[in-house]
Amino acid sequence: MRWECFYVALVVGIHFAVSENCYTKQCLNGATCQLHVGFVTCVCSVGYTGSRCETEILECSSNPCKNGATCSER
């Protein structure tokens, strides 16, 4: 599904149209695109990080398990 967000901004008294859209941001891994004034951001799904949610968070890399338990990524 392709969709775009458009808005109009006012900068230094000059009125102009800005075409910043969520489609070109291309959020990854099920992230949600949010439009702000002048830019867009990705809200990552659980387990992902990065400006486009491109990086999987590996919880086991921090060795959270104690007493000989084995960590397994889900």
PDB file of N, CA and C in Angstrom:
ATOM      1  N   MET A   1       0.849  -1.176   0.000  1.00  0.00           N
ATOM      2  CA  MET A   1       0.000   0.000   0.000  1.00  0.00           C
ATOM      3  C   MET A   1       0.895   1.239   0.000  1.00  0.00           C
ATOM      4  N   ARG A   2       0.644   2.147  -0.879  1.00  0.00           N
ATOM      5  CA  ARG A   2       1.429   3.382  -0.950  1.00  0.00           C
ATOM      6  C   ARG A   2       0.563   4.541  -0.507  1.00  0.00           C
ATOM      7  N   TRP A   3       1.100   5.357   0.388  1.00  0.00           N
ATOM      8  CA  TRP A   3       0.389   6.552   0.819  1.00  0.00           C
ATOM      9  C   TRP A   3       1.405   7.633   1.134  1.00  0.00           C
ATOM     10  N   GLU A   4       0.992   8.867   1.069  1.00  0.00           N
ATOM     11  CA  GLU A   4       1.886   9.988   1.294  1.00  0.00           C
ATOM     12  C   GLU A   4       1.240  11.012   2.203  1.00  0.00           C
ATOM     13  N   CYS A   5       2.060  11.683   2.970  1.00  0.00           N
ATOM     14  CA  CYS A   5       1.600  12.759   3.841  1.00  0.00           C
ATOM     15  C   CYS A   5       2.138  14.070   3.272  1.00  0.00           C
ATOM     16  N   PHE A   6       1.294  15.037   3.074  1.00  0.00           N
ATOM     17  CA  PHE A   6       1.717  16.341   2.573  1.00  0.00           C
ATOM     18  C   PHE A   6       1.280  17.427   3.547  1.00  0.00           C
ATOM     19  N   TYR A   7       2.060  18.474   3.663  1.00  0.00           N
ATOM     20  CA  TYR A   7       1.678  19.597   4.500  1.00  0.00           C
ATOM     21  C   TYR A   7       2.290  20.869   3.937  1.00  0.00           C
ATOM     22  N   VAL A   8       1.821  21.994   4.417  1.00  0.00           N
ATOM     23  CA  VAL A   8       2.319  23.295   3.985  1.00  0.00           C
ATOM     24  C   VAL A   8       2.989  23.960   5.180  1.00  0.00           C
ATOM     25  N   ALA A   9       4.143  24.555   4.968  1.00  0.00           N
ATOM     26  CA  ALA A   9       4.893  25.184   6.053  1.00  0.00           C
ATOM     27  C   ALA A   9       5.099  26.670   5.769  1.00  0.00           C
ATOM     28  N   LEU A  10       5.346  27.447   6.811  1.00  0.00           N
ATOM     29  CA  LEU A  10       5.617  28.876   6.696  1.00  0.00           C
ATOM     30  C   LEU A  10       6.989  29.137   7.309  1.00  0.00           C
ATOM     31  N   VAL A  11       7.936  29.590   6.484  1.00  0.00           N
ATOM     32  CA  VAL A  11       9.296  29.825   6.961  1.00  0.00           C
ATOM     33  C   VAL A  11       9.736  31.221   6.545  1.00  0.00           C
ATOM     34  N   VAL A  12      10.173  32.042   7.491  1.00  0.00           N
ATOM     35  CA  VAL A  12      10.679  33.386   7.261  1.00  0.00           C
ATOM     36  C   VAL A  12       9.730  34.190   6.367  1.00  0.00           C
ATOM     37  N   GLY A  13       8.447  34.072   6.620  1.00  0.00           N
ATOM     38  CA  GLY A  13       7.465  34.860   5.898  1.00  0.00           C
ATOM     39  C   GLY A  13       7.195  34.421   4.473  1.00  0.00           C
ATOM     40  N   ILE A  14       7.870  33.394   4.009  1.00  0.00           N
ATOM     41  CA  ILE A  14       7.648  32.914   2.649  1.00  0.00           C
ATOM     42  C   ILE A  14       6.818  31.634   2.730  1.00  0.00           C
ATOM     43  N   HIS A  15       5.702  31.627   2.031  1.00  0.00           N
ATOM     44  CA  HIS A  15       4.807  30.478   2.058  1.00  0.00           C
ATOM     45  C   HIS A  15       5.193  29.518   0.937  1.00  0.00           C
ATOM     46  N   PHE A  16       5.470  28.274   1.297  1.00  0.00           N
ATOM     47  CA  PHE A  16       5.831  27.302   0.277  1.00  0.00           C
ATOM     48  C   PHE A  16       5.305  25.924   0.658  1.00  0.00           C
ATOM     49  N   ALA A  17       5.159  25.069  -0.328  1.00  0.00           N
ATOM     50  CA  ALA A  17       4.676  23.705  -0.086  1.00  0.00           C
ATOM     51  C   ALA A  17       5.867  22.768   0.089  1.00  0.00           C
ATOM     52  N   VAL A  18       5.787  21.935   1.089  1.00  0.00           N
ATOM     53  CA  VAL A  18       6.836  20.956   1.360  1.00  0.00           C
ATOM     54  C   VAL A  18       6.240  19.570   1.175  1.00  0.00           C
ATOM     55  N   SER A  19       6.882  18.753   0.414  1.00  0.00           N
ATOM     56  CA  SER A  19       6.394  17.394   0.189  1.00  0.00           C
ATOM     57  C   SER A  19       7.307  16.407   0.900  1.00  0.00           C
ATOM     58  N   GLU A  20       7.112  16.240   2.183  1.00  0.00           N
ATOM     59  CA  GLU A  20       7.831  15.238   2.976  1.00  0.00           C
ATOM     60  C   GLU A  20       6.850  14.109   3.177  1.00  0.00           C
ATOM     61  N   ASN A  21       7.178  12.932   2.712  1.00  0.00           N
ATOM     62  CA  ASN A  21       6.195  11.872   2.824  1.00  0.00           C
ATOM     63  C   ASN A  21       6.727  10.641   3.537  1.00  0.00           C
ATOM     64  N   CYS A  22       5.803   9.891   4.080  1.00  0.00           N
ATOM     65  CA  CYS A  22       6.142   8.687   4.828  1.00  0.00           C
ATOM     66  C   CYS A  22       6.570   7.554   3.906  1.00  0.00           C
ATOM     67  N   TYR A  23       6.143   7.582   2.670  1.00  0.00           N
ATOM     68  CA  TYR A  23       6.515   6.501   1.761  1.00  0.00           C
ATOM     69  C   TYR A  23       8.019   6.499   1.492  1.00  0.00           C
ATOM     70  N   THR A  24       8.601   7.667   1.284  1.00  0.00           N
ATOM     71  CA  THR A  24      10.030   7.715   0.978  1.00  0.00           C
ATOM     72  C   THR A  24      10.896   7.420   2.198  1.00  0.00           C
ATOM     73  N   LYS A  25      10.361   7.566   3.399  1.00  0.00           N
ATOM     74  CA  LYS A  25      11.128   7.239   4.603  1.00  0.00           C
ATOM     75  C   LYS A  25      11.384   5.740   4.682  1.00  0.00           C
ATOM     76  N   GLN A  26      10.460   4.941   4.177  1.00  0.00           N
ATOM     77  CA  GLN A  26      10.591   3.494   4.120  1.00  0.00           C
ATOM     78  C   GLN A  26      10.986   2.878   5.457  1.00  0.00           C
ATOM     79  N   CYS A  27      10.101   3.001   6.426  1.00  0.00           N
ATOM     80  CA  CYS A  27      10.308   2.352   7.716  1.00  0.00           C
ATOM     81  C   CYS A  27      10.291   0.839   7.506  1.00  0.00           C
ATOM     82  N   LEU A  28      11.124   0.133   8.243  1.00  0.00           N
ATOM     83  CA  LEU A  28      11.290  -1.305   8.056  1.00  0.00           C
ATOM     84  C   LEU A  28      10.736  -2.112   9.224  1.00  0.00           C
ATOM     85  N   ASN A  29      10.634  -3.401   9.035  1.00  0.00           N
ATOM     86  CA  ASN A  29      10.281  -4.366  10.081  1.00  0.00           C
ATOM     87  C   ASN A  29       8.992  -4.042  10.821  1.00  0.00           C
ATOM     88  N   GLY A  30       7.979  -3.627  10.081  1.00  0.00           N
ATOM     89  CA  GLY A  30       6.663  -3.380  10.672  1.00  0.00           C
ATOM     90  C   GLY A  30       6.540  -2.073  11.429  1.00  0.00           C
ATOM     91  N   ALA A  31       7.494  -1.165  11.249  1.00  0.00           N
ATOM     92  CA  ALA A  31       7.467   0.126  11.943  1.00  0.00           C
ATOM     93  C   ALA A  31       6.362   1.021  11.391  1.00  0.00           C
ATOM     94  N   THR A  32       5.980   2.022  12.185  1.00  0.00           N
ATOM     95  CA  THR A  32       4.966   2.990  11.795  1.00  0.00           C
ATOM     96  C   THR A  32       5.634   4.324  11.500  1.00  0.00           C
ATOM     97  N   CYS A  33       5.289   4.919  10.374  1.00  0.00           N
ATOM     98  CA  CYS A  33       5.831   6.221   9.998  1.00  0.00           C
ATOM     99  C   CYS A  33       4.974   7.321  10.615  1.00  0.00           C
ATOM    100  N   GLN A  34       5.629   8.324  11.212  1.00  0.00           N
ATOM    101  CA  GLN A  34       4.915   9.468  11.777  1.00  0.00           C
ATOM    102  C   GLN A  34       5.426  10.752  11.136  1.00  0.00           C
ATOM    103  N   LEU A  35       4.489  11.598  10.732  1.00  0.00           N
ATOM    104  CA  LEU A  35       4.817  12.874  10.104  1.00  0.00           C
ATOM    105  C   LEU A  35       4.911  13.963  11.162  1.00  0.00           C
ATOM    106  N   HIS A  36       5.977  14.752  11.101  1.00  0.00           N
ATOM    107  CA  HIS A  36       6.189  15.900  11.981  1.00  0.00           C
ATOM    108  C   HIS A  36       6.362  17.127  11.086  1.00  0.00           C
ATOM    109  N   VAL A  37       6.485  18.291  11.656  1.00  0.00           N
ATOM    110  CA  VAL A  37       6.690  19.503  10.872  1.00  0.00           C
ATOM    111  C   VAL A  37       8.109  19.476  10.306  1.00  0.00           C
ATOM    112  N   GLY A  38       8.227  19.251   9.023  1.00  0.00           N
ATOM    113  CA  GLY A  38       9.514  19.278   8.343  1.00  0.00           C
ATOM    114  C   GLY A  38      10.263  17.965   8.267  1.00  0.00           C
ATOM    115  N   PHE A  39       9.779  16.913   8.909  1.00  0.00           N
ATOM    116  CA  PHE A  39      10.476  15.630   8.861  1.00  0.00           C
ATOM    117  C   PHE A  39       9.533  14.496   9.244  1.00  0.00           C
ATOM    118  N   VAL A  40       9.966  13.286   8.971  1.00  0.00           N
ATOM    119  CA  VAL A  40       9.208  12.105   9.375  1.00  0.00           C
ATOM    120  C   VAL A  40      10.101  11.213  10.230  1.00  0.00           C
ATOM    121  N   THR A  41       9.480  10.407  11.092  1.00  0.00           N
ATOM    122  CA  THR A  41      10.220   9.454  11.913  1.00  0.00           C
ATOM    123  C   THR A  41       9.550   8.091  11.828  1.00  0.00           C
ATOM    124  N   CYS A  42      10.297   7.071  12.189  1.00  0.00           N
ATOM    125  CA  CYS A  42       9.766   5.716  12.262  1.00  0.00           C
ATOM    126  C   CYS A  42       9.627   5.329  13.726  1.00  0.00           C
ATOM    127  N   VAL A  43       8.470   4.792  14.094  1.00  0.00           N
ATOM    128  CA  VAL A  43       8.251   4.247  15.432  1.00  0.00           C
ATOM    129  C   VAL A  43       8.433   2.744  15.286  1.00  0.00           C
ATOM    130  N   CYS A  44       9.509   2.234  15.872  1.00  0.00           N
ATOM    131  CA  CYS A  44       9.890   0.839  15.679  1.00  0.00           C
ATOM    132  C   CYS A  44       8.994  -0.141  16.424  1.00  0.00           C
ATOM    133  N   SER A  45       8.845  -1.316  15.824  1.00  0.00           N
ATOM    134  CA  SER A  45       8.189  -2.434  16.485  1.00  0.00           C
ATOM    135  C   SER A  45       9.124  -2.933  17.587  1.00  0.00           C
ATOM    136  N   VAL A  46       8.569  -3.643  18.550  1.00  0.00           N
ATOM    137  CA  VAL A  46       9.372  -4.205  19.638  1.00  0.00           C
ATOM    138  C   VAL A  46      10.472  -5.082  19.043  1.00  0.00           C
ATOM    139  N   GLY A  47      11.693  -4.879  19.529  1.00  0.00           N
ATOM    140  CA  GLY A  47      12.816  -5.690  19.082  1.00  0.00           C
ATOM    141  C   GLY A  47      13.651  -5.078  17.976  1.00  0.00           C
ATOM    142  N   TYR A  48      13.303  -3.835  17.554  1.00  0.00           N
ATOM    143  CA  TYR A  48      14.054  -3.174  16.487  1.00  0.00           C
ATOM    144  C   TYR A  48      14.405  -1.744  16.880  1.00  0.00           C
ATOM    145  N   THR A  49      15.488  -1.236  16.300  1.00  0.00           N
ATOM    146  CA  THR A  49      15.936   0.124  16.558  1.00  0.00           C
ATOM    147  C   THR A  49      16.572   0.683  15.286  1.00  0.00           C
ATOM    148  N   GLY A  50      16.954   1.955  15.318  1.00  0.00           N
ATOM    149  CA  GLY A  50      17.564   2.613  14.166  1.00  0.00           C
ATOM    150  C   GLY A  50      16.610   3.634  13.572  1.00  0.00           C
ATOM    151  N   SER A  51      17.116   4.546  12.767  1.00  0.00           N
ATOM    152  CA  SER A  51      16.278   5.606  12.209  1.00  0.00           C
ATOM    153  C   SER A  51      15.181   5.058  11.306  1.00  0.00           C
ATOM    154  N   ARG A  52      15.424   3.892  10.698  1.00  0.00           N
ATOM    155  CA  ARG A  52      14.412   3.241   9.856  1.00  0.00           C
ATOM    156  C   ARG A  52      13.983   1.901  10.452  1.00  0.00           C
ATOM    157  N   CYS A  53      14.383   1.647  11.708  1.00  0.00           N
ATOM    158  CA  CYS A  53      14.073   0.380  12.398  1.00  0.00           C
ATOM    159  C   CYS A  53      14.725  -0.794  11.681  1.00  0.00           C
ATOM    160  N   GLU A  54      15.930  -0.552  11.187  1.00  0.00           N
ATOM    161  CA  GLU A  54      16.644  -1.541  10.394  1.00  0.00           C
ATOM    162  C   GLU A  54      17.485  -2.506  11.224  1.00  0.00           C
ATOM    163  N   THR A  55      17.683  -2.205  12.515  1.00  0.00           N
ATOM    164  CA  THR A  55      18.568  -3.006  13.348  1.00  0.00           C
ATOM    165  C   THR A  55      17.788  -3.810  14.376  1.00  0.00           C
ATOM    166  N   GLU A  56      17.991  -5.124  14.352  1.00  0.00           N
ATOM    167  CA  GLU A  56      17.339  -5.982  15.336  1.00  0.00           C
ATOM    168  C   GLU A  56      18.090  -5.879  16.658  1.00  0.00           C
ATOM    169  N   ILE A  57      17.346  -5.725  17.743  1.00  0.00           N
ATOM    170  CA  ILE A  57      17.947  -5.666  19.075  1.00  0.00           C
ATOM    171  C   ILE A  57      18.145  -7.100  19.548  1.00  0.00           C
ATOM    172  N   LEU A  58      19.374  -7.470  19.790  1.00  0.00           N
ATOM    173  CA  LEU A  58      19.686  -8.811  20.264  1.00  0.00           C
ATOM    174  C   LEU A  58      19.816  -8.770  21.783  1.00  0.00           C
ATOM    175  N   GLU A  59      18.744  -9.131  22.448  1.00  0.00           N
ATOM    176  CA  GLU A  59      18.688  -9.062  23.909  1.00  0.00           C
ATOM    177  C   GLU A  59      19.743  -9.949  24.564  1.00  0.00           C
ATOM    178  N   CYS A  60      20.043 -11.094  23.979  1.00  0.00           N
ATOM    179  CA  CYS A  60      20.983 -12.034  24.591  1.00  0.00           C
ATOM    180  C   CYS A  60      22.423 -11.524  24.588  1.00  0.00           C
ATOM    181  N   SER A  61      22.733 -10.550  23.742  1.00  0.00           N
ATOM    182  CA  SER A  61      24.113 -10.061  23.653  1.00  0.00           C
ATOM    183  C   SER A  61      24.586  -9.405  24.945  1.00  0.00           C
ATOM    184  N   SER A  62      23.653  -8.984  25.801  1.00  0.00           N
ATOM    185  CA  SER A  62      24.044  -8.366  27.076  1.00  0.00           C
ATOM    186  C   SER A  62      24.165  -9.398  28.203  1.00  0.00           C
ATOM    187  N   ASN A  63      24.038 -10.686  27.873  1.00  0.00           N
ATOM    188  CA  ASN A  63      24.133 -11.775  28.856  1.00  0.00           C
ATOM    189  C   ASN A  63      23.203 -11.573  30.049  1.00  0.00           C
ATOM    190  N   PRO A  64      21.878 -11.467  29.819  1.00  0.00           N
ATOM    191  CA  PRO A  64      20.942 -11.197  30.910  1.00  0.00           C
ATOM    192  C   PRO A  64      20.662 -12.392  31.821  1.00  0.00           C
ATOM    193  N   CYS A  65      20.956 -13.602  31.369  1.00  0.00           N
ATOM    194  CA  CYS A  65      20.644 -14.801  32.163  1.00  0.00           C
ATOM    195  C   CYS A  65      21.736 -15.066  33.197  1.00  0.00           C
ATOM    196  N   LYS A  66      21.324 -15.471  34.357  1.00  0.00           N
ATOM    197  CA  LYS A  66      22.257 -15.743  35.466  1.00  0.00           C
ATOM    198  C   LYS A  66      22.167 -17.215  35.868  1.00  0.00           C
ATOM    199  N   ASN A  67      23.104 -17.635  36.682  1.00  0.00           N
ATOM    200  CA  ASN A  67      23.125 -18.975  37.280  1.00  0.00           C
ATOM    201  C   ASN A  67      23.112 -20.092  36.243  1.00  0.00           C
ATOM    202  N   GLY A  68      23.849 -19.907  35.152  1.00  0.00           N
ATOM    203  CA  GLY A  68      23.997 -20.958  34.155  1.00  0.00           C
ATOM    204  C   GLY A  68      22.852 -21.093  33.166  1.00  0.00           C
ATOM    205  N   ALA A  69      21.853 -20.210  33.230  1.00  0.00           N
ATOM    206  CA  ALA A  69      20.729 -20.274  32.294  1.00  0.00           C
ATOM    207  C   ALA A  69      21.200 -19.857  30.901  1.00  0.00           C
ATOM    208  N   THR A  70      20.547 -20.365  29.880  1.00  0.00           N
ATOM    209  CA  THR A  70      20.881 -20.050  28.499  1.00  0.00           C
ATOM    210  C   THR A  70      19.845 -19.092  27.918  1.00  0.00           C
ATOM    211  N   CYS A  71      20.319 -18.023  27.313  1.00  0.00           N
ATOM    212  CA  CYS A  71      19.436 -17.038  26.699  1.00  0.00           C
ATOM    213  C   CYS A  71      19.120 -17.462  25.267  1.00  0.00           C
ATOM    214  N   SER A  72      17.873 -17.278  24.860  1.00  0.00           N
ATOM    215  CA  SER A  72      17.441 -17.610  23.510  1.00  0.00           C
ATOM    216  C   SER A  72      16.624 -16.445  22.959  1.00  0.00           C
ATOM    217  N   GLU A  73      17.044 -15.901  21.811  1.00  0.00           N
ATOM    218  CA  GLU A  73      16.301 -14.809  21.171  1.00  0.00           C
ATOM    219  C   GLU A  73      14.949 -15.330  20.707  1.00  0.00           C
ATOM    220  N   ARG A  74      13.905 -14.520  20.883  1.00  0.00           N
ATOM    221  CA  ARG A  74      12.573 -14.934  20.412  1.00  0.00           C
ATOM    222  C   ARG A  74      12.170 -14.127  19.223  1.00  0.00           C
TER     223      ARG A  74
END
